[in-house]
Amino acid sequence: MVVSYIGLWKILLEKGLQKQDLVEHAGLSSATVAKMGKGEPVSNKVLEKVCTYLECSVNDIISYE
């Protein structure tokens, strides 16, 4: 099973945000954002931080293929 963060990248684009905004405002490390960029799994706590920052649900940002 592969994790896809395409929904996350689409939301960032729609809101005019960049990956760096996740580091600066959502409290993620740059290493965590890099993992997401490679499609690697991250913890539920990370997903919760992203969803809180972007005001969305987990289903909006990830999918499993």
PDB file of N, CA and C in Angstrom:
ATOM      1  N   MET A   1       0.850  -1.184   0.000  1.00  0.00           N
ATOM      2  CA  MET A   1       0.000   0.000   0.000  1.00  0.00           C
ATOM      3  C   MET A   1       0.895   1.246   0.000  1.00  0.00           C
ATOM      4  N   VAL A   2       0.581   2.163  -0.872  1.00  0.00           N
ATOM      5  CA  VAL A   2       1.346   3.402  -1.015  1.00  0.00           C
ATOM      6  C   VAL A   2       0.485   4.572  -0.552  1.00  0.00           C
ATOM      7  N   VAL A   3       1.120   5.475   0.187  1.00  0.00           N
ATOM      8  CA  VAL A   3       0.420   6.669   0.658  1.00  0.00           C
ATOM      9  C   VAL A   3       0.592   7.771  -0.378  1.00  0.00           C
ATOM     10  N   SER A   4      -0.484   8.440  -0.701  1.00  0.00           N
ATOM     11  CA  SER A   4      -0.433   9.555  -1.646  1.00  0.00           C
ATOM     12  C   SER A   4      -0.908  10.833  -0.950  1.00  0.00           C
ATOM     13  N   TYR A   5      -0.085  11.873  -1.054  1.00  0.00           N
ATOM     14  CA  TYR A   5      -0.422  13.155  -0.443  1.00  0.00           C
ATOM     15  C   TYR A   5      -0.872  14.177  -1.496  1.00  0.00           C
ATOM     16  N   ILE A   6      -1.363  13.694  -2.619  1.00  0.00           N
ATOM     17  CA  ILE A   6      -1.766  14.593  -3.705  1.00  0.00           C
ATOM     18  C   ILE A   6      -2.810  15.601  -3.216  1.00  0.00           C
ATOM     19  N   GLY A   7      -3.736  15.159  -2.384  1.00  0.00           N
ATOM     20  CA  GLY A   7      -4.745  16.072  -1.843  1.00  0.00           C
ATOM     21  C   GLY A   7      -4.113  17.198  -1.054  1.00  0.00           C
ATOM     22  N   LEU A   8      -3.069  16.881  -0.287  1.00  0.00           N
ATOM     23  CA  LEU A   8      -2.369  17.899   0.502  1.00  0.00           C
ATOM     24  C   LEU A   8      -1.732  18.936  -0.408  1.00  0.00           C
ATOM     25  N   TRP A   9      -1.031  18.479  -1.438  1.00  0.00           N
ATOM     26  CA  TRP A   9      -0.343  19.419  -2.338  1.00  0.00           C
ATOM     27  C   TRP A   9      -1.369  20.283  -3.082  1.00  0.00           C
ATOM     28  N   LYS A  10      -2.523  19.707  -3.429  1.00  0.00           N
ATOM     29  CA  LYS A  10      -3.568  20.492  -4.094  1.00  0.00           C
ATOM     30  C   LYS A  10      -4.113  21.580  -3.172  1.00  0.00           C
ATOM     31  N   ILE A  11      -4.339  21.227  -1.905  1.00  0.00           N
ATOM     32  CA  ILE A  11      -4.844  22.219  -0.946  1.00  0.00           C
ATOM     33  C   ILE A  11      -3.824  23.332  -0.752  1.00  0.00           C
ATOM     34  N   LEU A  12      -2.550  22.975  -0.640  1.00  0.00           N
ATOM     35  CA  LEU A  12      -1.519  24.002  -0.484  1.00  0.00           C
ATOM     36  C   LEU A  12      -1.548  24.968  -1.670  1.00  0.00           C
ATOM     37  N   LEU A  13      -1.645  24.427  -2.881  1.00  0.00           N
ATOM     38  CA  LEU A  13      -1.702  25.269  -4.082  1.00  0.00           C
ATOM     39  C   LEU A  13      -2.930  26.172  -4.072  1.00  0.00           C
ATOM     40  N   GLU A  14      -4.074  25.597  -3.735  1.00  0.00           N
ATOM     41  CA  GLU A  14      -5.323  26.365  -3.721  1.00  0.00           C
ATOM     42  C   GLU A  14      -5.263  27.524  -2.722  1.00  0.00           C
ATOM     43  N   LYS A  15      -4.560  27.298  -1.604  1.00  0.00           N
ATOM     44  CA  LYS A  15      -4.473  28.325  -0.562  1.00  0.00           C
ATOM     45  C   LYS A  15      -3.264  29.241  -0.751  1.00  0.00           C
ATOM     46  N   GLY A  16      -2.499  29.002  -1.811  1.00  0.00           N
ATOM     47  CA  GLY A  16      -1.324  29.826  -2.075  1.00  0.00           C
ATOM     48  C   GLY A  16      -0.202  29.611  -1.067  1.00  0.00           C
ATOM     49  N   LEU A  17      -0.131  28.387  -0.535  1.00  0.00           N
ATOM     50  CA  LEU A  17       0.874  28.052   0.474  1.00  0.00           C
ATOM     51  C   LEU A  17       1.966  27.169  -0.124  1.00  0.00           C
ATOM     52  N   GLN A  18       3.063  27.076   0.616  1.00  0.00           N
ATOM     53  CA  GLN A  18       4.171  26.226   0.204  1.00  0.00           C
ATOM     54  C   GLN A  18       4.462  25.213   1.302  1.00  0.00           C
ATOM     55  N   LYS A  19       5.281  24.218   0.991  1.00  0.00           N
ATOM     56  CA  LYS A  19       5.647  23.208   1.979  1.00  0.00           C
ATOM     57  C   LYS A  19       6.290  23.854   3.204  1.00  0.00           C
ATOM     58  N   GLN A  20       7.047  24.899   2.987  1.00  0.00           N
ATOM     59  CA  GLN A  20       7.707  25.584   4.097  1.00  0.00           C
ATOM     60  C   GLN A  20       6.696  26.125   5.110  1.00  0.00           C
ATOM     61  N   ASP A  21       5.509  26.467   4.655  1.00  0.00           N
ATOM     62  CA  ASP A  21       4.461  26.946   5.558  1.00  0.00           C
ATOM     63  C   ASP A  21       4.057  25.857   6.558  1.00  0.00           C
ATOM     64  N   LEU A  22       4.144  24.596   6.145  1.00  0.00           N
ATOM     65  CA  LEU A  22       3.838  23.505   7.063  1.00  0.00           C
ATOM     66  C   LEU A  22       4.872  23.448   8.185  1.00  0.00           C
ATOM     67  N   VAL A  23       6.113  23.760   7.856  1.00  0.00           N
ATOM     68  CA  VAL A  23       7.175  23.784   8.860  1.00  0.00           C
ATOM     69  C   VAL A  23       6.972  24.967   9.804  1.00  0.00           C
ATOM     70  N   GLU A  24       6.743  26.129   9.228  1.00  0.00           N
ATOM     71  CA  GLU A  24       6.676  27.354  10.018  1.00  0.00           C
ATOM     72  C   GLU A  24       5.381  27.517  10.814  1.00  0.00           C
ATOM     73  N   HIS A  25       4.267  27.041  10.284  1.00  0.00           N
ATOM     74  CA  HIS A  25       2.975  27.321  10.908  1.00  0.00           C
ATOM     75  C   HIS A  25       2.247  26.098  11.468  1.00  0.00           C
ATOM     76  N   ALA A  26       2.536  24.920  10.939  1.00  0.00           N
ATOM     77  CA  ALA A  26       1.865  23.715  11.426  1.00  0.00           C
ATOM     78  C   ALA A  26       2.719  22.955  12.430  1.00  0.00           C
ATOM     79  N   GLY A  27       3.955  23.404  12.608  1.00  0.00           N
ATOM     80  CA  GLY A  27       4.820  22.775  13.600  1.00  0.00           C
ATOM     81  C   GLY A  27       5.447  21.465  13.154  1.00  0.00           C
ATOM     82  N   LEU A  28       5.606  21.280  11.854  1.00  0.00           N
ATOM     83  CA  LEU A  28       6.250  20.069  11.356  1.00  0.00           C
ATOM     84  C   LEU A  28       7.736  20.316  11.155  1.00  0.00           C
ATOM     85  N   SER A  29       8.517  19.261  11.206  1.00  0.00           N
ATOM     86  CA  SER A  29       9.942  19.394  10.902  1.00  0.00           C
ATOM     87  C   SER A  29      10.118  19.328   9.380  1.00  0.00           C
ATOM     88  N   SER A  30      11.219  19.875   8.918  1.00  0.00           N
ATOM     89  CA  SER A  30      11.479  19.816   7.471  1.00  0.00           C
ATOM     90  C   SER A  30      11.680  18.362   7.034  1.00  0.00           C
ATOM     91  N   ALA A  31      12.204  17.521   7.919  1.00  0.00           N
ATOM     92  CA  ALA A  31      12.382  16.104   7.593  1.00  0.00           C
ATOM     93  C   ALA A  31      11.029  15.415   7.392  1.00  0.00           C
ATOM     94  N   THR A  32      10.052  15.780   8.209  1.00  0.00           N
ATOM     95  CA  THR A  32       8.712  15.199   8.074  1.00  0.00           C
ATOM     96  C   THR A  32       8.070  15.620   6.764  1.00  0.00           C
ATOM     97  N   VAL A  33       8.204  16.889   6.418  1.00  0.00           N
ATOM     98  CA  VAL A  33       7.644  17.374   5.150  1.00  0.00           C
ATOM     99  C   VAL A  33       8.347  16.685   3.980  1.00  0.00           C
ATOM    100  N   ALA A  34       9.651  16.454   4.114  1.00  0.00           N
ATOM    101  CA  ALA A  34      10.397  15.751   3.061  1.00  0.00           C
ATOM    102  C   ALA A  34       9.877  14.317   2.909  1.00  0.00           C
ATOM    103  N   LYS A  35       9.588  13.652   4.030  1.00  0.00           N
ATOM    104  CA  LYS A  35       9.025  12.300   3.975  1.00  0.00           C
ATOM    105  C   LYS A  35       7.705  12.309   3.217  1.00  0.00           C
ATOM    106  N   MET A  36       6.882  13.297   3.507  1.00  0.00           N
ATOM    107  CA  MET A  36       5.590  13.390   2.827  1.00  0.00           C
ATOM    108  C   MET A  36       5.793  13.641   1.337  1.00  0.00           C
ATOM    109  N   GLY A  37       6.796  14.437   1.010  1.00  0.00           N
ATOM    110  CA  GLY A  37       7.097  14.715  -0.392  1.00  0.00           C
ATOM    111  C   GLY A  37       7.506  13.472  -1.160  1.00  0.00           C
ATOM    112  N   LYS A  38       8.060  12.494  -0.435  1.00  0.00           N
ATOM    113  CA  LYS A  38       8.483  11.229  -1.042  1.00  0.00           C
ATOM    114  C   LYS A  38       7.385  10.173  -0.987  1.00  0.00           C
ATOM    115  N   GLY A  39       6.241  10.535  -0.389  1.00  0.00           N
ATOM    116  CA  GLY A  39       5.129   9.594  -0.296  1.00  0.00           C
ATOM    117  C   GLY A  39       5.294   8.572   0.812  1.00  0.00           C
ATOM    118  N   GLU A  40       6.133   8.888   1.799  1.00  0.00           N
ATOM    119  CA  GLU A  40       6.343   7.975   2.919  1.00  0.00           C
ATOM    120  C   GLU A  40       5.293   8.231   3.998  1.00  0.00           C
ATOM    121  N   PRO A  41       4.931   7.201   4.737  1.00  0.00           N
ATOM    122  CA  PRO A  41       3.917   7.382   5.792  1.00  0.00           C
ATOM    123  C   PRO A  41       4.433   8.251   6.940  1.00  0.00           C
ATOM    124  N   VAL A  42       3.525   8.965   7.574  1.00  0.00           N
ATOM    125  CA  VAL A  42       3.837   9.783   8.748  1.00  0.00           C
ATOM    126  C   VAL A  42       2.818   9.448   9.840  1.00  0.00           C
ATOM    127  N   SER A  43       3.078   9.910  11.042  1.00  0.00           N
ATOM    128  CA  SER A  43       2.203   9.568  12.164  1.00  0.00           C
ATOM    129  C   SER A  43       0.854  10.289  12.081  1.00  0.00           C
ATOM    130  N   ASN A  44      -0.094   9.763  12.823  1.00  0.00           N
ATOM    131  CA  ASN A  44      -1.404  10.404  12.905  1.00  0.00           C
ATOM    132  C   ASN A  44      -1.296  11.789  13.527  1.00  0.00           C
ATOM    133  N   LYS A  45      -0.354  11.973  14.439  1.00  0.00           N
ATOM    134  CA  LYS A  45      -0.146  13.278  15.078  1.00  0.00           C
ATOM    135  C   LYS A  45       0.248  14.318  14.023  1.00  0.00           C
ATOM    136  N   VAL A  46       1.081  13.930  13.089  1.00  0.00           N
ATOM    137  CA  VAL A  46       1.487  14.829  12.000  1.00  0.00           C
ATOM    138  C   VAL A  46       0.272  15.181  11.151  1.00  0.00           C
ATOM    139  N   LEU A  47      -0.505  14.184  10.804  1.00  0.00           N
ATOM    140  CA  LEU A  47      -1.695  14.426   9.986  1.00  0.00           C
ATOM    141  C   LEU A  47      -2.669  15.349  10.713  1.00  0.00           C
ATOM    142  N   GLU A  48      -2.786  15.172  12.015  1.00  0.00           N
ATOM    143  CA  GLU A  48      -3.663  16.021  12.821  1.00  0.00           C
ATOM    144  C   GLU A  48      -3.186  17.478  12.790  1.00  0.00           C
ATOM    145  N   LYS A  49      -1.880  17.686  12.900  1.00  0.00           N
ATOM    146  CA  LYS A  49      -1.327  19.052  12.855  1.00  0.00           C
ATOM    147  C   LYS A  49      -1.608  19.709  11.503  1.00  0.00           C
ATOM    148  N   VAL A  50      -1.410  18.935  10.430  1.00  0.00           N
ATOM    149  CA  VAL A  50      -1.649  19.464   9.086  1.00  0.00           C
ATOM    150  C   VAL A  50      -3.119  19.838   8.914  1.00  0.00           C
ATOM    151  N   CYS A  51      -4.007  18.946   9.340  1.00  0.00           N
ATOM    152  CA  CYS A  51      -5.441  19.193   9.189  1.00  0.00           C
ATOM    153  C   CYS A  51      -5.908  20.376  10.030  1.00  0.00           C
ATOM    154  N   THR A  52      -5.356  20.525  11.207  1.00  0.00           N
ATOM    155  CA  THR A  52      -5.711  21.670  12.047  1.00  0.00           C
ATOM    156  C   THR A  52      -5.277  22.956  11.365  1.00  0.00           C
ATOM    157  N   TYR A  53      -4.065  22.973  10.855  1.00  0.00           N
ATOM    158  CA  TYR A  53      -3.537  24.169  10.188  1.00  0.00           C
ATOM    159  C   TYR A  53      -4.343  24.507   8.932  1.00  0.00           C
ATOM    160  N   LEU A  54      -4.647  23.501   8.133  1.00  0.00           N
ATOM    161  CA  LEU A  54      -5.331  23.747   6.854  1.00  0.00           C
ATOM    162  C   LEU A  54      -6.856  23.723   6.976  1.00  0.00           C
ATOM    163  N   GLU A  55      -7.358  23.396   8.158  1.00  0.00           N
ATOM    164  CA  GLU A  55      -8.803  23.305   8.388  1.00  0.00           C
ATOM    165  C   GLU A  55      -9.460  22.340   7.411  1.00  0.00           C
ATOM    166  N   CYS A  56      -8.963  21.110   7.433  1.00  0.00           N
ATOM    167  CA  CYS A  56      -9.498  20.079   6.545  1.00  0.00           C
ATOM    168  C   CYS A  56      -9.496  18.748   7.293  1.00  0.00           C
ATOM    169  N   SER A  57      -9.948  17.705   6.639  1.00  0.00           N
ATOM    170  CA  SER A  57      -9.937  16.375   7.251  1.00  0.00           C
ATOM    171  C   SER A  57      -8.800  15.548   6.654  1.00  0.00           C
ATOM    172  N   VAL A  58      -8.470  14.471   7.331  1.00  0.00           N
ATOM    173  CA  VAL A  58      -7.408  13.583   6.848  1.00  0.00           C
ATOM    174  C   VAL A  58      -7.751  13.056   5.458  1.00  0.00           C
ATOM    175  N   ASN A  59      -9.015  12.758   5.226  1.00  0.00           N
ATOM    176  CA  ASN A  59      -9.424  12.250   3.913  1.00  0.00           C
ATOM    177  C   ASN A  59      -9.191  13.264   2.802  1.00  0.00           C
ATOM    178  N   ASP A  60      -9.092  14.533   3.153  1.00  0.00           N
ATOM    179  CA  ASP A  60      -8.837  15.575   2.151  1.00  0.00           C
ATOM    180  C   ASP A  60      -7.377  15.576   1.701  1.00  0.00           C
ATOM    181  N   ILE A  61      -6.471  15.118   2.563  1.00  0.00           N
ATOM    182  CA  ILE A  61      -5.052  15.284   2.255  1.00  0.00           C
ATOM    183  C   ILE A  61      -4.319  14.007   1.843  1.00  0.00           C
ATOM    184  N   ILE A  62      -4.832  12.842   2.252  1.00  0.00           N
ATOM    185  CA  ILE A  62      -4.136  11.612   1.876  1.00  0.00           C
ATOM    186  C   ILE A  62      -5.094  10.605   1.257  1.00  0.00           C
ATOM    187  N   SER A  63      -4.488   9.698   0.507  1.00  0.00           N
ATOM    188  CA  SER A  63      -5.221   8.542  -0.009  1.00  0.00           C
ATOM    189  C   SER A  63      -4.246   7.371  -0.057  1.00  0.00           C
ATOM    190  N   TYR A  64      -4.778   6.189  -0.090  1.00  0.00           N
ATOM    191  CA  TYR A  64      -3.963   4.981  -0.138  1.00  0.00           C
ATOM    192  C   TYR A  64      -4.193   4.285  -1.467  1.00  0.00           C
ATOM    193  N   GLU A  65      -3.099   3.907  -2.086  1.00  0.00           N
ATOM    194  CA  GLU A  65      -3.194   3.268  -3.406  1.00  0.00           C
ATOM    195  C   GLU A  65      -2.673   1.848  -3.344  1.00  0.00           C
TER     196      GLU A  65
END
